[in-house]
N, C-alpha and C. Protein backbone atom coordinates (compact mmCIF):
# COMPACT_ATOMS: atom_id res chain seq x y z
N MET A 1 1.16 -0.56 0.04
CA MET A 1 -0.23 0.29 -0.40
C MET A 1 1.29 1.17 -0.04
N LYS A 2 0.78 1.94 -0.82
CA LYS A 2 1.41 3.45 -1.38
C LYS A 2 0.90 4.52 -0.53
N ARG A 3 1.80 5.21 0.77
CA ARG A 3 1.66 6.02 1.78
C ARG A 3 1.77 7.11 1.44
N THR A 4 1.00 8.39 1.02
CA THR A 4 0.70 9.49 0.84
C THR A 4 0.26 10.68 1.64
N GLU A 5 -0.24 9.97 2.77
CA GLU A 5 -1.28 11.24 3.51
C GLU A 5 -0.18 10.74 5.27
N LYS A 6 -0.49 12.02 5.77
CA LYS A 6 0.62 12.83 6.68
C LYS A 6 -0.39 13.18 7.94
N ILE A 7 -0.08 12.59 8.88
CA ILE A 7 -0.29 13.05 10.34
C ILE A 7 0.55 13.43 11.27
N GLU A 8 -0.18 14.30 11.43
CA GLU A 8 0.97 15.26 12.64
C GLU A 8 -0.01 14.73 13.79
N VAL A 9 1.15 15.08 15.26
CA VAL A 9 0.93 14.82 16.41
C VAL A 9 1.54 15.13 17.71
N ARG A 10 0.88 15.69 18.15
CA ARG A 10 2.29 16.69 19.41
C ARG A 10 2.23 15.72 20.41
N VAL A 11 3.75 15.53 20.86
CA VAL A 11 3.79 15.06 22.07
C VAL A 11 4.66 16.19 23.01
N SER A 12 4.68 15.90 24.12
CA SER A 12 6.07 16.27 24.63
C SER A 12 7.66 15.30 24.81
N LEU A 13 8.52 15.99 25.48
CA LEU A 13 9.72 16.35 24.90
C LEU A 13 9.98 14.34 25.14
N GLU A 14 9.47 14.10 26.66
CA GLU A 14 10.05 13.24 27.59
C GLU A 14 8.99 11.64 26.23
N GLU A 15 7.92 12.14 25.79
CA GLU A 15 7.04 10.94 25.02
C GLU A 15 8.13 10.61 23.86
N LYS A 16 8.70 12.21 23.37
CA LYS A 16 9.22 12.01 21.92
C LYS A 16 10.74 11.28 22.27
N GLN A 17 11.07 11.48 23.29
CA GLN A 17 12.47 10.39 23.77
C GLN A 17 11.99 8.95 24.10
N THR A 18 10.80 8.67 25.12
CA THR A 18 10.66 7.22 25.43
C THR A 18 10.58 6.84 23.94
N LEU A 19 9.40 7.50 22.70
CA LEU A 19 9.47 6.46 21.42
C LEU A 19 10.84 6.83 21.05
N SER A 20 11.57 7.48 20.62
CA SER A 20 12.78 7.08 20.38
C SER A 20 13.40 5.94 20.26
N GLU A 21 13.84 5.72 21.59
CA GLU A 21 14.44 4.76 22.66
C GLU A 21 13.69 3.53 21.86
N LEU A 22 12.64 3.76 22.31
CA LEU A 22 11.70 2.00 22.19
C LEU A 22 12.17 1.93 20.14
N ALA A 23 11.30 2.70 19.59
CA ALA A 23 12.20 2.73 18.06
C ALA A 23 12.92 1.87 17.78
N LYS A 24 14.43 2.48 18.67
CA LYS A 24 15.70 2.15 18.17
C LYS A 24 16.11 0.93 19.22
N GLN A 25 15.40 0.34 19.87
CA GLN A 25 15.22 -0.81 20.58
C GLN A 25 14.39 -2.28 20.20
N ASP A 26 13.71 -1.90 18.90
CA ASP A 26 13.06 -2.18 18.02
C ASP A 26 13.82 -2.84 16.46
N GLY A 27 14.91 -1.67 16.47
CA GLY A 27 15.60 -1.42 15.00
C GLY A 27 14.49 -0.70 14.34
N ASP A 28 13.69 0.50 14.48
CA ASP A 28 12.82 0.90 13.89
C ASP A 28 12.58 2.31 13.80
N SER A 29 12.27 3.13 13.04
CA SER A 29 12.28 4.91 13.20
C SER A 29 10.91 5.14 14.04
N VAL A 30 10.42 6.19 14.55
CA VAL A 30 9.26 6.11 15.50
C VAL A 30 8.07 6.33 14.41
N SER A 31 8.44 7.24 13.26
CA SER A 31 6.96 6.86 12.30
C SER A 31 6.89 5.54 11.54
N GLY A 32 7.84 4.34 12.11
CA GLY A 32 7.98 3.29 11.27
C GLY A 32 6.63 2.28 13.02
N LEU A 33 7.11 2.95 13.91
CA LEU A 33 7.10 2.44 14.93
C LEU A 33 5.25 2.85 15.51
N ILE A 34 5.39 4.05 15.02
CA ILE A 34 3.55 4.62 15.20
C ILE A 34 2.71 4.22 14.03
N ARG A 35 3.92 3.70 12.49
CA ARG A 35 2.82 3.41 11.73
C ARG A 35 2.00 1.69 11.96
N GLY A 36 3.14 1.10 12.89
CA GLY A 36 2.69 -0.62 12.98
C GLY A 36 2.20 -0.28 14.13
N LEU A 37 1.86 1.01 14.74
CA LEU A 37 0.39 0.75 15.98
C LEU A 37 -0.95 1.34 15.20
N VAL A 38 -1.17 1.91 14.61
CA VAL A 38 -1.80 2.23 13.62
C VAL A 38 -2.11 1.30 13.13
N GLU A 39 -1.48 0.67 12.58
CA GLU A 39 -2.10 -0.63 11.11
C GLU A 39 -2.51 -1.60 12.46
N LYS A 40 -2.09 -1.79 13.72
CA LYS A 40 -2.59 -2.89 14.42
C LYS A 40 -4.26 -2.08 14.87
N TYR A 41 -4.21 -1.17 15.32
CA TYR A 41 -5.17 -0.25 15.70
C TYR A 41 -6.17 -0.82 14.85
N ILE A 42 -6.08 -0.10 13.48
CA ILE A 42 -7.08 -0.65 12.66
C ILE A 42 -7.37 -1.76 12.30
N ALA A 43 -6.79 -2.69 12.53
CA ALA A 43 -6.95 -4.53 12.24
C ALA A 43 -7.85 -4.51 13.37
N LEU A 44 -7.48 -4.43 14.38
CA LEU A 44 -8.13 -4.74 15.34
C LEU A 44 -9.71 -3.85 15.66
N ASN A 45 -9.98 -3.00 15.38
CA ASN A 45 -11.28 -1.93 15.00
C ASN A 45 -11.84 -1.86 14.30
N ALA A 46 -11.33 -2.02 13.14
CA ALA A 46 -12.33 -1.81 12.02
C ALA A 46 -13.09 -2.95 11.79
N ALA A 47 -14.52 -1.99 11.74
CA ALA A 47 -16.10 -2.97 11.40
C ALA A 47 -15.80 -4.44 10.50
N ASN A 48 -15.05 -4.08 9.46
CA ASN A 48 -15.50 -4.69 8.15
C ASN A 48 -13.90 -5.62 8.19
N THR A 49 -12.90 -5.37 8.64
CA THR A 49 -11.74 -6.09 8.21
C THR A 49 -11.66 -7.12 9.18
N THR A 50 -11.26 -8.29 8.53
CA THR A 50 -10.89 -9.78 8.88
C THR A 50 -9.81 -10.03 8.62
N ARG A 51 -9.20 -10.60 10.19
CA ARG A 51 -7.73 -10.87 9.94
C ARG A 51 -7.57 -12.32 9.73
N LYS A 52 -6.73 -13.07 8.96
CA LYS A 52 -6.65 -13.66 8.34
C LYS A 52 -5.41 -14.67 9.20
N LEU A 53 -5.31 -15.93 10.25
CA LEU A 53 -4.11 -16.12 10.55
C LEU A 53 -3.63 -17.08 10.04
N PRO A 54 -2.27 -17.09 10.12
CA PRO A 54 -1.74 -18.43 9.56
C PRO A 54 -1.94 -19.35 10.35
N LYS A 55 -2.19 -20.47 9.21
CA LYS A 55 -2.74 -21.43 9.89
C LYS A 55 -1.48 -22.59 11.22
N TRP A 56 -0.64 -21.88 11.06
CA TRP A 56 0.28 -22.16 12.55
C TRP A 56 -0.22 -21.18 13.46
N GLN A 57 0.01 -20.69 13.25
CA GLN A 57 -0.79 -19.51 14.74
C GLN A 57 -2.37 -19.86 14.94
N ILE A 58 -2.90 -20.68 14.02
CA ILE A 58 -4.68 -21.17 14.63
C ILE A 58 -4.16 -22.60 15.16
N ALA A 59 -2.99 -23.51 14.33
CA ALA A 59 -2.96 -24.73 15.70
C ALA A 59 -2.38 -24.25 16.62
N ALA A 60 -1.16 -23.85 17.20
CA ALA A 60 -0.40 -23.16 18.24
C ALA A 60 -1.70 -22.53 19.12
N GLY A 61 -3.00 -21.94 18.50
CA GLY A 61 -3.71 -21.73 20.20
C GLY A 61 -4.43 -22.55 19.99
N LEU A 62 -4.28 -23.92 19.15
CA LEU A 62 -5.56 -24.71 19.76
C LEU A 62 -4.52 -25.53 20.55
N ILE A 63 -3.27 -26.12 19.96
CA ILE A 63 -2.44 -26.78 21.25
C ILE A 63 -2.42 -26.35 22.42
N VAL A 64 -2.09 -25.09 22.62
CA VAL A 64 -2.40 -24.38 23.89
C VAL A 64 -3.48 -24.66 24.65
N ALA A 65 -4.73 -24.73 24.23
CA ALA A 65 -6.13 -24.41 24.21
C ALA A 65 -6.12 -25.98 24.84
N ALA A 66 -5.85 -26.82 24.14
CA ALA A 66 -5.69 -28.70 24.33
C ALA A 66 -5.07 -28.56 25.68
N PHE A 67 -3.74 -28.22 25.78
CA PHE A 67 -3.26 -28.40 27.05
C PHE A 67 -3.14 -27.70 28.17
N ILE A 68 -4.07 -26.57 28.20
CA ILE A 68 -5.05 -25.52 29.29
C ILE A 68 -5.77 -26.63 29.68
N GLY A 69 -6.72 -27.11 28.84
CA GLY A 69 -7.78 -27.72 29.04
C GLY A 69 -7.01 -28.74 30.01
N HIS A 70 -6.24 -29.52 29.68
CA HIS A 70 -5.80 -30.75 30.13
C HIS A 70 -5.60 -30.86 31.71
N ALA A 71 -4.72 -29.41 31.64
CA ALA A 71 -4.27 -29.03 33.19
C ALA A 71 -5.77 -29.01 34.04
N LEU A 72 -6.66 -28.06 33.31
CA LEU A 72 -7.63 -27.64 34.01
C LEU A 72 -8.39 -29.40 34.59
N THR A 73 -8.03 -30.54 33.96
CA THR A 73 -9.19 -31.52 34.42
C THR A 73 -7.73 -32.52 35.30
N LEU A 74 -7.11 -31.73 35.59
CA LEU A 74 -5.92 -32.78 36.63
C LEU A 74 -6.44 -32.32 37.58
N LEU A 75 -6.68 -31.01 38.26
CA LEU A 75 -6.89 -31.54 39.32
C LEU A 75 -8.55 -32.12 39.97
N PRO A 76 -9.26 -32.16 39.07
CA PRO A 76 -10.71 -32.83 39.41
C PRO A 76 -10.02 -34.04 39.29
N MET A 77 -9.53 -34.75 38.77
CA MET A 77 -9.02 -36.00 38.54
C MET A 77 -8.83 -36.61 39.83
N HIS A 78 -7.53 -35.63 40.15
CA HIS A 78 -6.62 -36.14 41.06
C HIS A 78 -7.66 -36.36 42.73
N LEU A 79 -8.63 -34.92 42.60
CA LEU A 79 -9.26 -35.20 44.06
C LEU A 79 -10.30 -36.61 43.53
N HIS A 80 -10.56 -36.92 42.77
CA HIS A 80 -12.12 -38.00 42.32
C HIS A 80 -10.93 -39.18 42.59
N GLU A 81 -9.37 -39.24 42.13
CA GLU A 81 -9.09 -40.55 42.07
C GLU A 81 -8.54 -40.55 44.48
N ARG A 82 -8.75 -39.51 44.96
CA ARG A 82 -8.23 -39.21 46.14
C ARG A 82 -9.69 -39.22 47.07
N GLY A 83 -10.69 -39.69 46.58
CA GLY A 83 -12.12 -39.99 47.40
C GLY A 83 -12.26 -38.52 47.69
N HIS A 84 -12.10 -37.63 47.25
CA HIS A 84 -12.86 -36.30 48.16
C HIS A 84 -14.85 -36.01 46.90
N GLN A 85 -14.50 -37.19 45.75
CA GLN A 85 -16.08 -36.52 44.99
C GLN A 85 -16.51 -38.06 45.87
N SER A 86 -17.85 -37.72 45.76
CA SER A 86 -18.66 -38.56 45.73
C SER A 86 -18.77 -39.82 44.91
N ALA A 87 -18.78 -41.09 44.69
CA ALA A 87 -18.83 -42.45 43.47
C ALA A 87 -20.10 -41.81 42.84
N ASP A 88 -20.94 -41.70 43.19
CA ASP A 88 -22.22 -42.00 42.30
C ASP A 88 -22.74 -40.35 41.67
N ILE A 89 -21.84 -39.51 41.70
CA ILE A 89 -21.93 -38.36 40.75
C ILE A 89 -21.42 -38.71 39.70
N THR A 90 -22.13 -38.04 38.49
CA THR A 90 -21.78 -38.66 37.22
C THR A 90 -21.07 -37.18 36.40
N PRO A 91 -19.65 -38.02 35.63
CA PRO A 91 -19.30 -36.82 34.96
C PRO A 91 -19.62 -35.64 34.48
N THR A 92 -19.82 -34.73 34.10
CA THR A 92 -20.10 -34.14 33.21
C THR A 92 -18.66 -33.52 32.01
N TYR A 93 -18.77 -33.84 31.01
CA TYR A 93 -17.28 -33.33 30.24
C TYR A 93 -18.14 -32.24 29.27
N TRP A 94 -17.00 -31.48 28.99
CA TRP A 94 -16.94 -30.16 28.32
C TRP A 94 -16.24 -30.18 27.10
N VAL A 95 -17.36 -30.22 26.24
CA VAL A 95 -16.98 -30.37 24.46
C VAL A 95 -16.68 -28.76 24.08
N HIS A 96 -15.79 -28.66 23.45
CA HIS A 96 -15.25 -27.55 22.89
C HIS A 96 -14.63 -27.36 21.44
N GLY A 97 -14.72 -26.53 20.85
CA GLY A 97 -13.80 -26.96 19.38
C GLY A 97 -14.09 -25.72 18.73
N ALA A 98 -13.50 -25.64 17.53
CA ALA A 98 -13.41 -24.44 16.58
C ALA A 98 -13.85 -25.60 14.99
N ILE A 99 -14.84 -24.81 14.31
CA ILE A 99 -15.10 -24.95 12.63
C ILE A 99 -14.55 -23.73 11.97
N GLY A 100 -13.51 -23.99 11.21
CA GLY A 100 -13.24 -22.60 10.58
C GLY A 100 -12.46 -22.02 11.70
N ARG A 101 -13.60 -20.79 11.47
CA ARG A 101 -13.00 -19.26 12.81
C ARG A 101 -14.41 -19.79 13.31
N ALA A 102 -15.19 -20.11 13.68
CA ALA A 102 -16.28 -20.35 14.42
C ALA A 102 -15.81 -21.56 15.26
N ALA A 103 -16.32 -20.60 16.72
CA ALA A 103 -15.89 -21.82 17.75
C ALA A 103 -17.33 -22.10 18.66
N PHE A 104 -17.17 -23.15 19.15
CA PHE A 104 -18.24 -23.65 20.01
C PHE A 104 -17.90 -23.98 21.63
N GLY A 105 -18.48 -24.34 22.45
CA GLY A 105 -18.31 -24.87 24.15
C GLY A 105 -19.74 -25.20 24.40
N VAL A 106 -19.65 -26.70 25.17
CA VAL A 106 -20.93 -27.03 25.61
C VAL A 106 -20.86 -27.75 26.24
N GLY A 107 -21.81 -28.30 27.56
CA GLY A 107 -21.44 -29.55 28.31
C GLY A 107 -22.39 -30.95 28.28
N VAL A 108 -21.65 -31.96 28.23
CA VAL A 108 -22.59 -33.01 28.09
C VAL A 108 -22.45 -34.14 29.29
N SER A 109 -23.67 -34.66 29.69
CA SER A 109 -23.66 -36.03 30.61
C SER A 109 -24.29 -37.13 30.56
N GLU A 110 -24.23 -37.52 31.14
CA GLU A 110 -25.30 -38.55 31.10
C GLU A 110 -26.58 -38.52 31.39
N LYS A 111 -26.83 -37.55 32.15
CA LYS A 111 -28.10 -36.71 32.20
C LYS A 111 -28.71 -35.61 30.82
N GLN A 112 -27.68 -35.38 30.75
CA GLN A 112 -27.88 -34.10 29.55
C GLN A 112 -27.16 -34.75 28.78
N PRO A 113 -27.55 -35.99 27.85
CA PRO A 113 -26.32 -36.51 26.92
C PRO A 113 -26.37 -36.35 25.55
N THR A 114 -27.89 -35.32 24.88
CA THR A 114 -28.13 -34.57 23.87
C THR A 114 -27.88 -33.18 23.87
N GLN A 115 -27.01 -32.63 22.68
CA GLN A 115 -27.19 -31.13 22.91
C GLN A 115 -26.48 -30.20 21.74
N SER A 116 -27.09 -29.49 21.49
CA SER A 116 -27.15 -28.78 19.81
C SER A 116 -27.06 -26.96 20.30
N VAL A 117 -25.92 -27.10 19.46
CA VAL A 117 -25.48 -25.36 19.36
C VAL A 117 -25.19 -24.94 17.79
N ASN A 118 -25.72 -23.80 17.73
CA ASN A 118 -26.05 -23.26 17.07
C ASN A 118 -24.66 -21.92 16.85
N ILE A 119 -23.83 -22.19 15.90
CA ILE A 119 -22.69 -21.22 15.39
C ILE A 119 -23.08 -20.61 14.15
N GLN A 120 -22.55 -19.44 13.66
CA GLN A 120 -22.45 -19.41 12.46
C GLN A 120 -20.57 -19.18 12.01
N ASN A 121 -20.56 -19.76 10.41
CA ASN A 121 -19.32 -19.31 9.63
C ASN A 121 -18.87 -18.03 9.53
N GLU A 122 -17.44 -18.23 8.95
CA GLU A 122 -17.54 -16.70 8.89
C GLU A 122 -17.56 -15.95 7.80
N ASN A 123 -18.61 -16.97 7.06
CA ASN A 123 -19.88 -15.97 6.15
C ASN A 123 -20.91 -15.97 6.49
N GLY A 124 -20.71 -16.12 7.47
CA GLY A 124 -22.35 -15.52 8.30
C GLY A 124 -23.20 -16.81 8.14
N GLU A 125 -23.31 -17.57 7.78
CA GLU A 125 -24.09 -18.89 7.32
C GLU A 125 -24.00 -19.78 8.61
N ASN A 126 -25.43 -20.05 9.04
CA ASN A 126 -25.68 -20.63 10.16
C ASN A 126 -25.34 -22.67 10.41
N MET A 127 -24.61 -22.77 10.92
CA MET A 127 -23.78 -24.20 11.02
C MET A 127 -24.44 -25.24 12.80
N ILE A 128 -24.88 -25.76 12.64
CA ILE A 128 -25.38 -26.60 14.13
C ILE A 128 -25.00 -27.90 14.17
N VAL A 129 -23.77 -27.79 15.43
CA VAL A 129 -23.42 -28.41 16.39
C VAL A 129 -24.33 -29.67 17.05
N ARG A 130 -23.92 -31.12 16.61
CA ARG A 130 -25.19 -31.57 17.66
C ARG A 130 -24.65 -32.89 18.30
N LEU A 131 -24.51 -33.03 19.25
CA LEU A 131 -23.61 -33.73 20.09
C LEU A 131 -24.65 -34.90 20.54
N VAL A 132 -24.33 -35.82 20.59
CA VAL A 132 -25.21 -37.21 21.73
C VAL A 132 -23.95 -38.49 22.19
N PHE A 133 -24.42 -37.93 23.31
CA PHE A 133 -22.66 -38.95 24.80
C PHE A 133 -23.79 -39.91 24.97
N LYS A 134 -23.31 -41.19 24.44
CA LYS A 134 -23.67 -42.58 24.89
C LYS A 134 -22.79 -43.12 25.89
N PRO A 135 -23.06 -43.33 27.13
CA PRO A 135 -22.32 -44.05 28.51
C PRO A 135 -21.68 -45.08 28.13
N THR A 136 -20.35 -45.54 28.38
CA THR A 136 -20.52 -47.05 28.43
C THR A 136 -19.97 -48.04 29.64
N GLY A 137 -20.13 -47.11 30.97
CA GLY A 137 -19.57 -47.37 32.42
C GLY A 137 -18.81 -46.64 32.66
N ASN A 138 -18.77 -46.18 34.32
CA ASN A 138 -17.40 -45.88 34.49
C ASN A 138 -17.19 -44.13 34.26
N GLY A 139 -18.36 -43.55 33.88
CA GLY A 139 -18.23 -42.26 33.62
C GLY A 139 -17.10 -42.21 32.18
N SER A 140 -17.09 -43.10 31.05
CA SER A 140 -16.62 -42.93 30.39
C SER A 140 -17.43 -42.89 28.86
N GLY A 141 -17.21 -42.85 27.42
CA GLY A 141 -18.81 -43.91 27.04
C GLY A 141 -18.22 -42.71 25.19
N THR A 142 -18.98 -43.17 24.79
CA THR A 142 -18.95 -42.15 22.99
C THR A 142 -19.77 -40.84 22.73
N LEU A 143 -18.83 -40.31 22.40
CA LEU A 143 -19.44 -39.02 21.68
C LEU A 143 -19.82 -38.50 20.13
N ASN A 144 -20.91 -38.87 19.98
CA ASN A 144 -21.54 -38.63 18.43
C ASN A 144 -21.41 -36.43 18.18
N LEU A 145 -20.35 -36.80 17.40
CA LEU A 145 -20.68 -35.22 16.24
C LEU A 145 -21.22 -35.36 15.13
N LYS A 146 -22.07 -34.48 14.91
CA LYS A 146 -22.70 -34.29 13.71
C LYS A 146 -23.03 -32.44 13.59
N VAL A 147 -22.11 -32.25 12.44
CA VAL A 147 -22.41 -30.73 11.91
C VAL A 147 -22.86 -30.77 10.83
N CYS A 148 -23.99 -29.81 10.89
CA CYS A 148 -24.89 -29.39 9.91
C CYS A 148 -24.61 -28.26 9.56
N GLU A 149 -24.58 -27.81 8.20
CA GLU A 149 -24.71 -26.57 7.39
C GLU A 149 -26.29 -26.71 6.90
N ILE A 150 -26.86 -25.15 7.11
CA ILE A 150 -27.99 -25.26 6.78
C ILE A 150 -28.34 -24.36 5.33
N GLU A 151 -28.83 -24.72 5.33
CA GLU A 151 -29.64 -24.48 3.46
C GLU A 151 -30.80 -23.21 3.88
N THR A 152 -31.00 -22.80 2.68
CA THR A 152 -32.45 -21.38 2.70
C THR A 152 -33.28 -21.75 3.11
N ASN A 153 -33.81 -23.29 2.37
CA ASN A 153 -35.00 -24.05 3.13
C ASN A 153 -34.90 -24.75 4.41
N ASP A 154 -33.71 -23.94 5.93
CA ASP A 154 -33.85 -24.74 6.99
C ASP A 154 -33.61 -26.34 6.61
N GLU A 155 -33.47 -26.86 5.91
CA GLU A 155 -32.58 -28.09 5.73
C GLU A 155 -31.42 -28.56 6.15
N CYS A 156 -31.03 -29.23 7.44
CA CYS A 156 -29.69 -29.58 7.99
C CYS A 156 -28.91 -30.59 6.80
N VAL A 157 -27.52 -30.25 6.40
CA VAL A 157 -27.14 -30.67 5.36
C VAL A 157 -25.50 -31.40 6.28
N THR A 158 -25.55 -32.52 6.03
CA THR A 158 -24.65 -33.17 7.61
C THR A 158 -23.33 -32.54 6.48
N ALA A 159 -22.47 -31.64 7.15
CA ALA A 159 -21.27 -31.53 6.55
C ALA A 159 -20.25 -32.30 7.60
N PHE A 160 -20.04 -33.50 8.86
CA PHE A 160 -19.44 -33.74 8.91
C PHE A 160 -20.33 -34.95 10.27
N GLY A 161 -19.68 -36.14 10.24
CA GLY A 161 -20.07 -36.96 11.03
C GLY A 161 -18.93 -37.69 12.21
N GLY A 162 -19.09 -37.60 13.34
CA GLY A 162 -18.30 -39.02 13.44
C GLY A 162 -18.36 -38.83 14.77
N ASP A 163 -17.69 -40.45 15.57
CA ASP A 163 -17.63 -40.40 16.89
C ASP A 163 -16.59 -40.23 17.64
N MET A 164 -16.21 -40.16 19.02
CA MET A 164 -14.88 -39.81 19.52
C MET A 164 -15.64 -40.94 21.28
N ASP A 165 -14.65 -41.31 21.41
CA ASP A 165 -14.05 -41.81 22.57
C ASP A 165 -13.69 -41.06 23.82
N ILE A 166 -14.73 -41.21 24.77
CA ILE A 166 -14.49 -40.03 26.09
C ILE A 166 -13.96 -41.30 27.41
N SER A 167 -12.90 -40.55 27.82
CA SER A 167 -12.69 -41.53 28.97
C SER A 167 -12.11 -40.42 30.22
N ARG A 168 -12.82 -40.45 31.58
CA ARG A 168 -12.31 -39.70 32.73
C ARG A 168 -10.71 -39.59 32.50
N ARG A 169 -9.86 -39.87 31.80
CA ARG A 169 -8.59 -39.82 32.42
C ARG A 169 -7.80 -39.20 31.60
N ALA A 170 -8.07 -38.88 30.29
CA ALA A 170 -7.16 -37.91 29.46
C ALA A 170 -8.36 -36.73 28.52
N PRO A 171 -7.67 -35.90 28.14
CA PRO A 171 -9.00 -35.08 27.46
C PRO A 171 -8.96 -35.96 26.26
N SER A 172 -9.97 -35.46 25.19
CA SER A 172 -10.14 -36.85 23.94
C SER A 172 -10.02 -35.66 23.00
N VAL A 173 -9.15 -35.40 21.63
CA VAL A 173 -9.35 -34.58 20.84
C VAL A 173 -9.19 -35.11 19.18
N LEU A 174 -10.56 -34.48 18.43
CA LEU A 174 -10.67 -34.49 16.92
C LEU A 174 -9.90 -33.72 16.18
N GLY A 175 -9.27 -33.89 15.34
CA GLY A 175 -8.63 -33.30 14.07
C GLY A 175 -9.53 -33.55 12.67
N ASN A 176 -10.14 -32.60 11.70
CA ASN A 176 -10.86 -33.25 10.92
C ASN A 176 -11.04 -32.30 10.27
N SER A 177 -12.24 -32.63 8.81
CA SER A 177 -12.35 -31.12 8.27
C SER A 177 -14.25 -31.56 7.62
N THR A 178 -14.83 -30.45 7.07
CA THR A 178 -16.31 -30.71 7.10
C THR A 178 -15.88 -31.21 5.25
N LYS A 179 -16.75 -31.71 5.02
CA LYS A 179 -17.16 -31.73 3.48
C LYS A 179 -16.91 -30.77 2.28
N SER A 180 -16.58 -29.49 3.25
CA SER A 180 -16.27 -27.92 2.30
C SER A 180 -15.25 -27.65 2.60
N GLY A 181 -14.03 -28.35 3.53
CA GLY A 181 -12.79 -27.97 3.75
C GLY A 181 -12.47 -27.36 5.11
N LYS A 182 -13.66 -27.10 5.67
CA LYS A 182 -12.97 -26.12 6.94
C LYS A 182 -12.93 -27.12 8.11
N PRO A 183 -12.40 -26.73 8.46
CA PRO A 183 -11.13 -27.32 9.93
C PRO A 183 -12.08 -27.77 10.78
N ILE A 184 -12.29 -28.98 11.73
CA ILE A 184 -12.56 -29.15 12.82
C ILE A 184 -11.37 -29.53 13.82
N HIS A 185 -11.71 -28.98 15.02
CA HIS A 185 -10.94 -29.07 16.24
C HIS A 185 -11.38 -29.21 17.22
N VAL A 186 -12.02 -30.34 17.86
CA VAL A 186 -12.85 -31.15 18.96
C VAL A 186 -11.96 -31.33 20.44
N PHE A 187 -11.99 -30.52 21.55
CA PHE A 187 -11.51 -31.60 22.55
C PHE A 187 -12.87 -31.60 23.38
N VAL A 188 -12.73 -32.78 24.35
CA VAL A 188 -13.49 -33.40 25.29
C VAL A 188 -12.85 -33.47 26.69
N GLN A 189 -13.46 -32.78 27.25
CA GLN A 189 -12.39 -33.28 28.37
C GLN A 189 -13.61 -33.29 29.94
N GLU A 190 -13.37 -33.78 30.91
CA GLU A 190 -14.41 -33.95 32.56
C GLU A 190 -14.32 -32.88 33.03
N MET A 191 -15.33 -32.58 33.52
CA MET A 191 -15.67 -30.57 34.10
C MET A 191 -15.56 -31.12 35.42
N ALA A 192 -14.82 -30.14 36.37
CA ALA A 192 -14.94 -30.78 37.99
C ALA A 192 -16.39 -30.48 38.60
């Protein structure tokens, strides 16, 4: 993009000196530093600006989320193993993930085995995530996951369907894609 416009900003001597030092530390000029801040501000706040993240950043974010989710499950599992939870309490599992750039999260359990979540993809089109938890004993089970893309006549067209094995011992992770090529990442872990 050609830079032809100029904006004048008045700052104190101390502010200018601090900006100069910060720019020098980053190997940039004061103009470059301010231009970068303006670009970041526009990217974060412009109404119609969509920022496309590189795939490695999306993958890194999902991996970090999985580790955080796993860490959050360690304490409840530890307490459960030490007898601090009643044996008759049925576990609830937190199912969260992303389909393309749209994220969702919902809880399932033996008492509430069926859940449905409406989300919108990056084009503003509706999708439905349908979950059915089928217990197999000791809190473990199978989670049936179905992603539907909605057509104009409100007909649900299956974009993805599959089962995940659920365990109280470790989070379950699914990576796949819809029929239209949107990446799907789903994480399931026991809630405290």
